[in-house]
Amino acid sequence: MGTGNPIRVTVQAVIQAPVEKVWKYWSEPEHITKWNQASDDWYSPRAENDLRAGGRFVIRMEAKDGSMGFDFCGIYDVVKLHEQVSPL
């Protein structure tokens, strides 16, 4: 991948639950580590999430066999409670 224009990814889902509950489970580190994995061979042993404009998130992802791992991180640009989250 070159150093040209950044790639923008948009993820959207419709979930049949109260927005407050979904927001909590999506944004709190103790919940992020339970759902954030690329496949059954991966897991997230730790997560940090400062959910505010200018706040940073860091989610550690590791292969369950210990062969590799990386930190997925970024900074939030827009956070509107129970409505919108946009990283920079």
PDB file of N, CA and C in Angstrom:
ATOM      1  N   MET A   1       0.848  -1.170   0.000  1.00  0.00           N
ATOM      2  CA  MET A   1       0.000   0.000   0.000  1.00  0.00           C
ATOM      3  C   MET A   1       0.894   1.233   0.000  1.00  0.00           C
ATOM      4  N   GLY A   2       0.589   2.177  -0.855  1.00  0.00           N
ATOM      5  CA  GLY A   2       1.389   3.392  -0.970  1.00  0.00           C
ATOM      6  C   GLY A   2       1.104   4.396   0.120  1.00  0.00           C
ATOM      7  N   THR A   3       1.742   5.539   0.001  1.00  0.00           N
ATOM      8  CA  THR A   3       1.549   6.608   0.990  1.00  0.00           C
ATOM      9  C   THR A   3       0.639   7.701   0.456  1.00  0.00           C
ATOM     10  N   GLY A   4      -0.134   7.393  -0.577  1.00  0.00           N
ATOM     11  CA  GLY A   4      -1.033   8.374  -1.173  1.00  0.00           C
ATOM     12  C   GLY A   4      -2.208   8.697  -0.284  1.00  0.00           C
ATOM     13  N   ASN A   5      -3.381   8.759  -0.861  1.00  0.00           N
ATOM     14  CA  ASN A   5      -4.589   9.112  -0.123  1.00  0.00           C
ATOM     15  C   ASN A   5      -4.946   8.051   0.909  1.00  0.00           C
ATOM     16  N   PRO A   6      -5.370   8.470   2.101  1.00  0.00           N
ATOM     17  CA  PRO A   6      -5.774   7.493   3.117  1.00  0.00           C
ATOM     18  C   PRO A   6      -7.046   6.768   2.687  1.00  0.00           C
ATOM     19  N   ILE A   7      -7.215   5.574   3.181  1.00  0.00           N
ATOM     20  CA  ILE A   7      -8.404   4.781   2.904  1.00  0.00           C
ATOM     21  C   ILE A   7      -9.395   5.001   4.036  1.00  0.00           C
ATOM     22  N   ARG A   8     -10.626   5.294   3.695  1.00  0.00           N
ATOM     23  CA  ARG A   8     -11.672   5.511   4.698  1.00  0.00           C
ATOM     24  C   ARG A   8     -12.574   4.288   4.715  1.00  0.00           C
ATOM     25  N   VAL A   9     -12.831   3.769   5.910  1.00  0.00           N
ATOM     26  CA  VAL A   9     -13.699   2.621   6.091  1.00  0.00           C
ATOM     27  C   VAL A   9     -14.883   3.058   6.943  1.00  0.00           C
ATOM     28  N   THR A  10     -16.080   2.728   6.506  1.00  0.00           N
ATOM     29  CA  THR A  10     -17.286   3.029   7.266  1.00  0.00           C
ATOM     30  C   THR A  10     -17.952   1.715   7.639  1.00  0.00           C
ATOM     31  N   VAL A  11     -18.262   1.568   8.913  1.00  0.00           N
ATOM     32  CA  VAL A  11     -18.940   0.375   9.399  1.00  0.00           C
ATOM     33  C   VAL A  11     -20.288   0.800   9.957  1.00  0.00           C
ATOM     34  N   GLN A  12     -21.332   0.098   9.571  1.00  0.00           N
ATOM     35  CA  GLN A  12     -22.668   0.418  10.047  1.00  0.00           C
ATOM     36  C   GLN A  12     -23.375  -0.884  10.403  1.00  0.00           C
ATOM     37  N   ALA A  13     -24.106  -0.886  11.497  1.00  0.00           N
ATOM     38  CA  ALA A  13     -24.876  -2.055  11.912  1.00  0.00           C
ATOM     39  C   ALA A  13     -26.181  -1.598  12.543  1.00  0.00           C
ATOM     40  N   VAL A  14     -27.208  -2.393  12.383  1.00  0.00           N
ATOM     41  CA  VAL A  14     -28.491  -2.142  13.032  1.00  0.00           C
ATOM     42  C   VAL A  14     -28.640  -3.195  14.122  1.00  0.00           C
ATOM     43  N   ILE A  15     -28.775  -2.740  15.355  1.00  0.00           N
ATOM     44  CA  ILE A  15     -28.834  -3.631  16.509  1.00  0.00           C
ATOM     45  C   ILE A  15     -30.129  -3.356  17.261  1.00  0.00           C
ATOM     46  N   GLN A  16     -30.862  -4.407  17.530  1.00  0.00           N
ATOM     47  CA  GLN A  16     -32.155  -4.274  18.217  1.00  0.00           C
ATOM     48  C   GLN A  16     -31.944  -4.287  19.735  1.00  0.00           C
ATOM     49  N   ALA A  17     -31.491  -3.153  20.276  1.00  0.00           N
ATOM     50  CA  ALA A  17     -31.270  -2.996  21.717  1.00  0.00           C
ATOM     51  C   ALA A  17     -31.272  -1.501  22.025  1.00  0.00           C
ATOM     52  N   PRO A  18     -31.484  -1.121  23.271  1.00  0.00           N
ATOM     53  CA  PRO A  18     -31.445   0.295  23.630  1.00  0.00           C
ATOM     54  C   PRO A  18     -30.059   0.894  23.341  1.00  0.00           C
ATOM     55  N   VAL A  19     -30.036   2.098  22.822  1.00  0.00           N
ATOM     56  CA  VAL A  19     -28.779   2.730  22.420  1.00  0.00           C
ATOM     57  C   VAL A  19     -27.804   2.859  23.595  1.00  0.00           C
ATOM     58  N   GLU A  20     -28.311   3.104  24.797  1.00  0.00           N
ATOM     59  CA  GLU A  20     -27.431   3.231  25.964  1.00  0.00           C
ATOM     60  C   GLU A  20     -26.661   1.928  26.231  1.00  0.00           C
ATOM     61  N   LYS A  21     -27.333   0.806  26.083  1.00  0.00           N
ATOM     62  CA  LYS A  21     -26.692  -0.495  26.307  1.00  0.00           C
ATOM     63  C   LYS A  21     -25.659  -0.779  25.213  1.00  0.00           C
ATOM     64  N   VAL A  22     -26.022  -0.537  23.976  1.00  0.00           N
ATOM     65  CA  VAL A  22     -25.097  -0.763  22.862  1.00  0.00           C
ATOM     66  C   VAL A  22     -23.876   0.130  23.013  1.00  0.00           C
ATOM     67  N   TRP A  23     -24.061   1.384  23.339  1.00  0.00           N
ATOM     68  CA  TRP A  23     -22.957   2.337  23.520  1.00  0.00           C
ATOM     69  C   TRP A  23     -21.991   1.830  24.596  1.00  0.00           C
ATOM     70  N   LYS A  24     -22.538   1.370  25.705  1.00  0.00           N
ATOM     71  CA  LYS A  24     -21.725   0.860  26.816  1.00  0.00           C
ATOM     72  C   LYS A  24     -20.896  -0.347  26.377  1.00  0.00           C
ATOM     73  N   TYR A  25     -21.532  -1.318  25.740  1.00  0.00           N
ATOM     74  CA  TYR A  25     -20.839  -2.538  25.345  1.00  0.00           C
ATOM     75  C   TYR A  25     -19.840  -2.283  24.218  1.00  0.00           C
ATOM     76  N   TRP A  26     -20.082  -1.316  23.394  1.00  0.00           N
ATOM     77  CA  TRP A  26     -19.168  -0.979  22.302  1.00  0.00           C
ATOM     78  C   TRP A  26     -17.968  -0.183  22.788  1.00  0.00           C
ATOM     79  N   SER A  27     -18.138   0.629  23.837  1.00  0.00           N
ATOM     80  CA  SER A  27     -17.104   1.600  24.186  1.00  0.00           C
ATOM     81  C   SER A  27     -16.302   1.327  25.453  1.00  0.00           C
ATOM     82  N   GLU A  28     -16.781   0.482  26.360  1.00  0.00           N
ATOM     83  CA  GLU A  28     -16.057   0.254  27.612  1.00  0.00           C
ATOM     84  C   GLU A  28     -15.014  -0.849  27.432  1.00  0.00           C
ATOM     85  N   PRO A  29     -13.760  -0.593  27.861  1.00  0.00           N
ATOM     86  CA  PRO A  29     -12.668  -1.542  27.638  1.00  0.00           C
ATOM     87  C   PRO A  29     -12.965  -2.978  28.080  1.00  0.00           C
ATOM     88  N   GLU A  30     -13.649  -3.151  29.214  1.00  0.00           N
ATOM     89  CA  GLU A  30     -13.928  -4.516  29.671  1.00  0.00           C
ATOM     90  C   GLU A  30     -14.863  -5.271  28.731  1.00  0.00           C
ATOM     91  N   HIS A  31     -15.629  -4.557  27.935  1.00  0.00           N
ATOM     92  CA  HIS A  31     -16.493  -5.187  26.935  1.00  0.00           C
ATOM     93  C   HIS A  31     -15.773  -5.321  25.600  1.00  0.00           C
ATOM     94  N   ILE A  32     -14.985  -4.316  25.218  1.00  0.00           N
ATOM     95  CA  ILE A  32     -14.242  -4.358  23.955  1.00  0.00           C
ATOM     96  C   ILE A  32     -13.397  -5.624  23.872  1.00  0.00           C
ATOM     97  N   THR A  33     -12.747  -6.000  24.972  1.00  0.00           N
ATOM     98  CA  THR A  33     -11.891  -7.185  24.954  1.00  0.00           C
ATOM     99  C   THR A  33     -12.676  -8.476  24.749  1.00  0.00           C
ATOM    100  N   LYS A  34     -13.970  -8.436  24.945  1.00  0.00           N
ATOM    101  CA  LYS A  34     -14.799  -9.631  24.759  1.00  0.00           C
ATOM    102  C   LYS A  34     -15.305  -9.787  23.322  1.00  0.00           C
ATOM    103  N   TRP A  35     -15.437  -8.691  22.567  1.00  0.00           N
ATOM    104  CA  TRP A  35     -15.982  -8.816  21.213  1.00  0.00           C
ATOM    105  C   TRP A  35     -14.991  -8.476  20.107  1.00  0.00           C
ATOM    106  N   ASN A  36     -13.875  -7.857  20.420  1.00  0.00           N
ATOM    107  CA  ASN A  36     -12.957  -7.380  19.379  1.00  0.00           C
ATOM    108  C   ASN A  36     -11.934  -8.452  18.995  1.00  0.00           C
ATOM    109  N   GLN A  37     -12.206  -9.157  17.903  1.00  0.00           N
ATOM    110  CA  GLN A  37     -11.253 -10.109  17.349  1.00  0.00           C
ATOM    111  C   GLN A  37     -11.504 -10.252  15.857  1.00  0.00           C
ATOM    112  N   ALA A  38     -10.427 -10.489  15.111  1.00  0.00           N
ATOM    113  CA  ALA A  38     -10.536 -10.620  13.658  1.00  0.00           C
ATOM    114  C   ALA A  38     -11.139 -11.970  13.270  1.00  0.00           C
ATOM    115  N   SER A  39     -10.854 -12.993  14.064  1.00  0.00           N
ATOM    116  CA  SER A  39     -11.379 -14.342  13.832  1.00  0.00           C
ATOM    117  C   SER A  39     -11.257 -15.102  15.142  1.00  0.00           C
ATOM    118  N   ASP A  40     -11.670 -16.369  15.132  1.00  0.00           N
ATOM    119  CA  ASP A  40     -11.586 -17.177  16.345  1.00  0.00           C
ATOM    120  C   ASP A  40     -10.142 -17.430  16.779  1.00  0.00           C
ATOM    121  N   ASP A  41      -9.169 -17.173  15.909  1.00  0.00           N
ATOM    122  CA  ASP A  41      -7.751 -17.380  16.221  1.00  0.00           C
ATOM    123  C   ASP A  41      -7.109 -16.176  16.903  1.00  0.00           C
ATOM    124  N   TRP A  42      -7.861 -15.096  17.060  1.00  0.00           N
ATOM    125  CA  TRP A  42      -7.336 -13.859  17.634  1.00  0.00           C
ATOM    126  C   TRP A  42      -8.136 -13.465  18.864  1.00  0.00           C
ATOM    127  N   TYR A  43      -7.541 -12.612  19.689  1.00  0.00           N
ATOM    128  CA  TYR A  43      -8.246 -12.053  20.837  1.00  0.00           C
ATOM    129  C   TYR A  43      -7.622 -10.713  21.215  1.00  0.00           C
ATOM    130  N   SER A  44      -8.301  -9.976  22.067  1.00  0.00           N
ATOM    131  CA  SER A  44      -7.809  -8.676  22.544  1.00  0.00           C
ATOM    132  C   SER A  44      -7.614  -8.770  24.057  1.00  0.00           C
ATOM    133  N   PRO A  45      -6.363  -8.909  24.513  1.00  0.00           N
ATOM    134  CA  PRO A  45      -6.121  -9.052  25.943  1.00  0.00           C
ATOM    135  C   PRO A  45      -6.323  -7.762  26.737  1.00  0.00           C
ATOM    136  N   ARG A  46      -6.220  -6.592  26.055  1.00  0.00           N
ATOM    137  CA  ARG A  46      -6.424  -5.338  26.782  1.00  0.00           C
ATOM    138  C   ARG A  46      -6.917  -4.251  25.828  1.00  0.00           C
ATOM    139  N   ALA A  47      -7.582  -3.264  26.422  1.00  0.00           N
ATOM    140  CA  ALA A  47      -8.092  -2.135  25.651  1.00  0.00           C
ATOM    141  C   ALA A  47      -8.099  -0.888  26.519  1.00  0.00           C
ATOM    142  N   GLU A  48      -7.836   0.240  25.906  1.00  0.00           N
ATOM    143  CA  GLU A  48      -7.973   1.556  26.530  1.00  0.00           C
ATOM    144  C   GLU A  48      -8.850   2.374  25.599  1.00  0.00           C
ATOM    145  N   ASN A  49      -9.752   3.166  26.157  1.00  0.00           N
ATOM    146  CA  ASN A  49     -10.657   3.935  25.308  1.00  0.00           C
ATOM    147  C   ASN A  49     -11.071   5.224  26.005  1.00  0.00           C
ATOM    148  N   ASP A  50     -10.529   6.331  25.536  1.00  0.00           N
ATOM    149  CA  ASP A  50     -10.876   7.665  26.041  1.00  0.00           C
ATOM    150  C   ASP A  50     -11.857   8.268  25.039  1.00  0.00           C
ATOM    151  N   LEU A  51     -13.129   7.929  25.196  1.00  0.00           N
ATOM    152  CA  LEU A  51     -14.157   8.242  24.205  1.00  0.00           C
ATOM    153  C   LEU A  51     -14.632   9.685  24.327  1.00  0.00           C
ATOM    154  N   ARG A  52     -13.846  10.568  23.702  1.00  0.00           N
ATOM    155  CA  ARG A  52     -14.174  11.999  23.620  1.00  0.00           C
ATOM    156  C   ARG A  52     -13.399  12.547  22.435  1.00  0.00           C
ATOM    157  N   ALA A  53     -13.842  13.672  21.895  1.00  0.00           N
ATOM    158  CA  ALA A  53     -13.104  14.305  20.798  1.00  0.00           C
ATOM    159  C   ALA A  53     -11.684  14.584  21.280  1.00  0.00           C
ATOM    160  N   GLY A  54     -10.696  14.138  20.528  1.00  0.00           N
ATOM    161  CA  GLY A  54      -9.298  14.274  20.913  1.00  0.00           C
ATOM    162  C   GLY A  54      -8.799  13.126  21.770  1.00  0.00           C
ATOM    163  N   GLY A  55      -9.698  12.245  22.211  1.00  0.00           N
ATOM    164  CA  GLY A  55      -9.325  11.095  23.028  1.00  0.00           C
ATOM    165  C   GLY A  55      -8.721   9.991  22.177  1.00  0.00           C
ATOM    166  N   ARG A  56      -7.946   9.126  22.820  1.00  0.00           N
ATOM    167  CA  ARG A  56      -7.217   8.075  22.120  1.00  0.00           C
ATOM    168  C   ARG A  56      -7.758   6.701  22.517  1.00  0.00           C
ATOM    169  N   PHE A  57      -7.734   5.777  21.554  1.00  0.00           N
ATOM    170  CA  PHE A  57      -8.041   4.380  21.858  1.00  0.00           C
ATOM    171  C   PHE A  57      -6.851   3.512  21.478  1.00  0.00           C
ATOM    172  N   VAL A  58      -6.612   2.482  22.275  1.00  0.00           N
ATOM    173  CA  VAL A  58      -5.566   1.490  22.000  1.00  0.00           C
ATOM    174  C   VAL A  58      -6.153   0.131  22.341  1.00  0.00           C
ATOM    175  N   ILE A  59      -6.189  -0.748  21.357  1.00  0.00           N
ATOM    176  CA  ILE A  59      -6.696  -2.094  21.567  1.00  0.00           C
ATOM    177  C   ILE A  59      -5.610  -3.071  21.119  1.00  0.00           C
ATOM    178  N   ARG A  60      -5.146  -3.890  22.031  1.00  0.00           N
ATOM    179  CA  ARG A  60      -4.122  -4.885  21.727  1.00  0.00           C
ATOM    180  C   ARG A  60      -4.788  -6.110  21.121  1.00  0.00           C
ATOM    181  N   MET A  61      -4.315  -6.529  19.962  1.00  0.00           N
ATOM    182  CA  MET A  61      -4.808  -7.750  19.325  1.00  0.00           C
ATOM    183  C   MET A  61      -3.654  -8.729  19.228  1.00  0.00           C
ATOM    184  N   GLU A  62      -3.913  -9.985  19.566  1.00  0.00           N
ATOM    185  CA  GLU A  62      -2.878 -11.015  19.530  1.00  0.00           C
ATOM    186  C   GLU A  62      -3.450 -12.320  18.988  1.00  0.00           C
ATOM    187  N   ALA A  63      -2.603 -13.040  18.270  1.00  0.00           N
ATOM    188  CA  ALA A  63      -2.964 -14.385  17.846  1.00  0.00           C
ATOM    189  C   ALA A  63      -2.973 -15.277  19.084  1.00  0.00           C
ATOM    190  N   LYS A  64      -3.956 -16.159  19.190  1.00  0.00           N
ATOM    191  CA  LYS A  64      -4.064 -17.027  20.356  1.00  0.00           C
ATOM    192  C   LYS A  64      -2.872 -17.968  20.487  1.00  0.00           C
ATOM    193  N   ASP A  65      -2.207 -18.284  19.366  1.00  0.00           N
ATOM    194  CA  ASP A  65      -1.044 -19.176  19.426  1.00  0.00           C
ATOM    195  C   ASP A  65       0.240 -18.433  19.792  1.00  0.00           C
ATOM    196  N   GLY A  66       0.142 -17.116  20.025  1.00  0.00           N
ATOM    197  CA  GLY A  66       1.297 -16.317  20.435  1.00  0.00           C
ATOM    198  C   GLY A  66       2.248 -15.954  19.310  1.00  0.00           C
ATOM    199  N   SER A  67       1.876 -16.226  18.073  1.00  0.00           N
ATOM    200  CA  SER A  67       2.781 -15.994  16.944  1.00  0.00           C
ATOM    201  C   SER A  67       2.950 -14.532  16.582  1.00  0.00           C
ATOM    202  N   MET A  68       1.970 -13.707  16.889  1.00  0.00           N
ATOM    203  CA  MET A  68       2.086 -12.283  16.579  1.00  0.00           C
ATOM    204  C   MET A  68       1.025 -11.479  17.319  1.00  0.00           C
ATOM    205  N   GLY A  69       1.223 -10.167  17.312  1.00  0.00           N
ATOM    206  CA  GLY A  69       0.269  -9.262  17.920  1.00  0.00           C
ATOM    207  C   GLY A  69       0.579  -7.830  17.528  1.00  0.00           C
ATOM    208  N   PHE A  70      -0.366  -6.946  17.729  1.00  0.00           N
ATOM    209  CA  PHE A  70      -0.170  -5.537  17.392  1.00  0.00           C
ATOM    210  C   PHE A  70      -1.154  -4.687  18.178  1.00  0.00           C
ATOM    211  N   ASP A  71      -0.843  -3.399  18.294  1.00  0.00           N
ATOM    212  CA  ASP A  71      -1.743  -2.432  18.901  1.00  0.00           C
ATOM    213  C   ASP A  71      -2.503  -1.715  17.794  1.00  0.00           C
ATOM    214  N   PHE A  72      -3.825  -1.750  17.864  1.00  0.00           N
ATOM    215  CA  PHE A  72      -4.689  -0.998  16.969  1.00  0.00           C
ATOM    216  C   PHE A  72      -5.042   0.278  17.722  1.00  0.00           C
ATOM    217  N   CYS A  73      -4.697   1.439  17.171  1.00  0.00           N
ATOM    218  CA  CYS A  73      -4.908   2.671  17.919  1.00  0.00           C
ATOM    219  C   CYS A  73      -5.319   3.819  17.003  1.00  0.00           C
ATOM    220  N   GLY A  74      -5.841   4.851  17.628  1.00  0.00           N
ATOM    221  CA  GLY A  74      -6.248   6.039  16.897  1.00  0.00           C
ATOM    222  C   GLY A  74      -6.724   7.115  17.849  1.00  0.00           C
ATOM    223  N   ILE A  75      -7.157   8.216  17.259  1.00  0.00           N
ATOM    224  CA  ILE A  75      -7.655   9.369  18.011  1.00  0.00           C
ATOM    225  C   ILE A  75      -9.032   9.713  17.471  1.00  0.00           C
ATOM    226  N   TYR A  76      -9.956  10.011  18.377  1.00  0.00           N
ATOM    227  CA  TYR A  76     -11.306  10.381  17.968  1.00  0.00           C
ATOM    228  C   TYR A  76     -11.365  11.836  17.540  1.00  0.00           C
ATOM    229  N   ASP A  77     -12.047  12.076  16.432  1.00  0.00           N
ATOM    230  CA  ASP A  77     -12.279  13.420  15.921  1.00  0.00           C
ATOM    231  C   ASP A  77     -13.631  13.938  16.416  1.00  0.00           C
ATOM    232  N   VAL A  78     -14.658  13.096  16.285  1.00  0.00           N
ATOM    233  CA  VAL A  78     -16.021  13.485  16.666  1.00  0.00           C
ATOM    234  C   VAL A  78     -16.596  12.409  17.585  1.00  0.00           C
ATOM    235  N   VAL A  79     -17.167  12.822  18.703  1.00  0.00           N
ATOM    236  CA  VAL A  79     -17.906  11.919  19.584  1.00  0.00           C
ATOM    237  C   VAL A  79     -19.175  12.639  20.007  1.00  0.00           C
ATOM    238  N   LYS A  80     -20.313  12.082  19.612  1.00  0.00           N
ATOM    239  CA  LYS A  80     -21.617  12.600  20.032  1.00  0.00           C
ATOM    240  C   LYS A  80     -22.294  11.470  20.796  1.00  0.00           C
ATOM    241  N   LEU A  81     -22.473  11.638  22.093  1.00  0.00           N
ATOM    242  CA  LEU A  81     -22.993  10.615  22.972  1.00  0.00           C
ATOM    243  C   LEU A  81     -24.233   9.936  22.387  1.00  0.00           C
ATOM    244  N   HIS A  82     -24.183   8.622  22.317  1.00  0.00           N
ATOM    245  CA  HIS A  82     -25.268   7.775  21.838  1.00  0.00           C
ATOM    246  C   HIS A  82     -25.649   8.029  20.372  1.00  0.00           C
ATOM    247  N   GLU A  83     -24.745   8.688  19.617  1.00  0.00           N
ATOM    248  CA  GLU A  83     -25.108   9.057  18.249  1.00  0.00           C
ATOM    249  C   GLU A  83     -24.006   8.772  17.231  1.00  0.00           C
ATOM    250  N   GLN A  84     -22.768   9.255  17.477  1.00  0.00           N
ATOM    251  CA  GLN A  84     -21.738   9.184  16.445  1.00  0.00           C
ATOM    252  C   GLN A  84     -20.343   9.140  17.071  1.00  0.00           C
ATOM    253  N   VAL A  85     -19.480   8.322  16.425  1.00  0.00           N
ATOM    254  CA  VAL A  85     -18.053   8.273  16.773  1.00  0.00           C
ATOM    255  C   VAL A  85     -17.292   8.262  15.461  1.00  0.00           C
ATOM    256  N   SER A  86     -16.338   9.179  15.324  1.00  0.00           N
ATOM    257  CA  SER A  86     -15.519   9.264  14.116  1.00  0.00           C
ATOM    258  C   SER A  86     -14.062   9.458  14.497  1.00  0.00           C
ATOM    259  N   PRO A  87     -13.199   8.523  14.098  1.00  0.00           N
ATOM    260  CA  PRO A  87     -11.765   8.722  14.347  1.00  0.00           C
ATOM    261  C   PRO A  87     -11.179   9.683  13.327  1.00  0.00           C
ATOM    262  N   LEU A  88     -10.009  10.236  13.646  1.00  0.00           N
ATOM    263  CA  LEU A  88      -9.318  11.130  12.708  1.00  0.00           C
ATOM    264  C   LEU A  88      -8.910  10.369  11.475  1.00  0.00           C
TER     265      LEU A  88
END
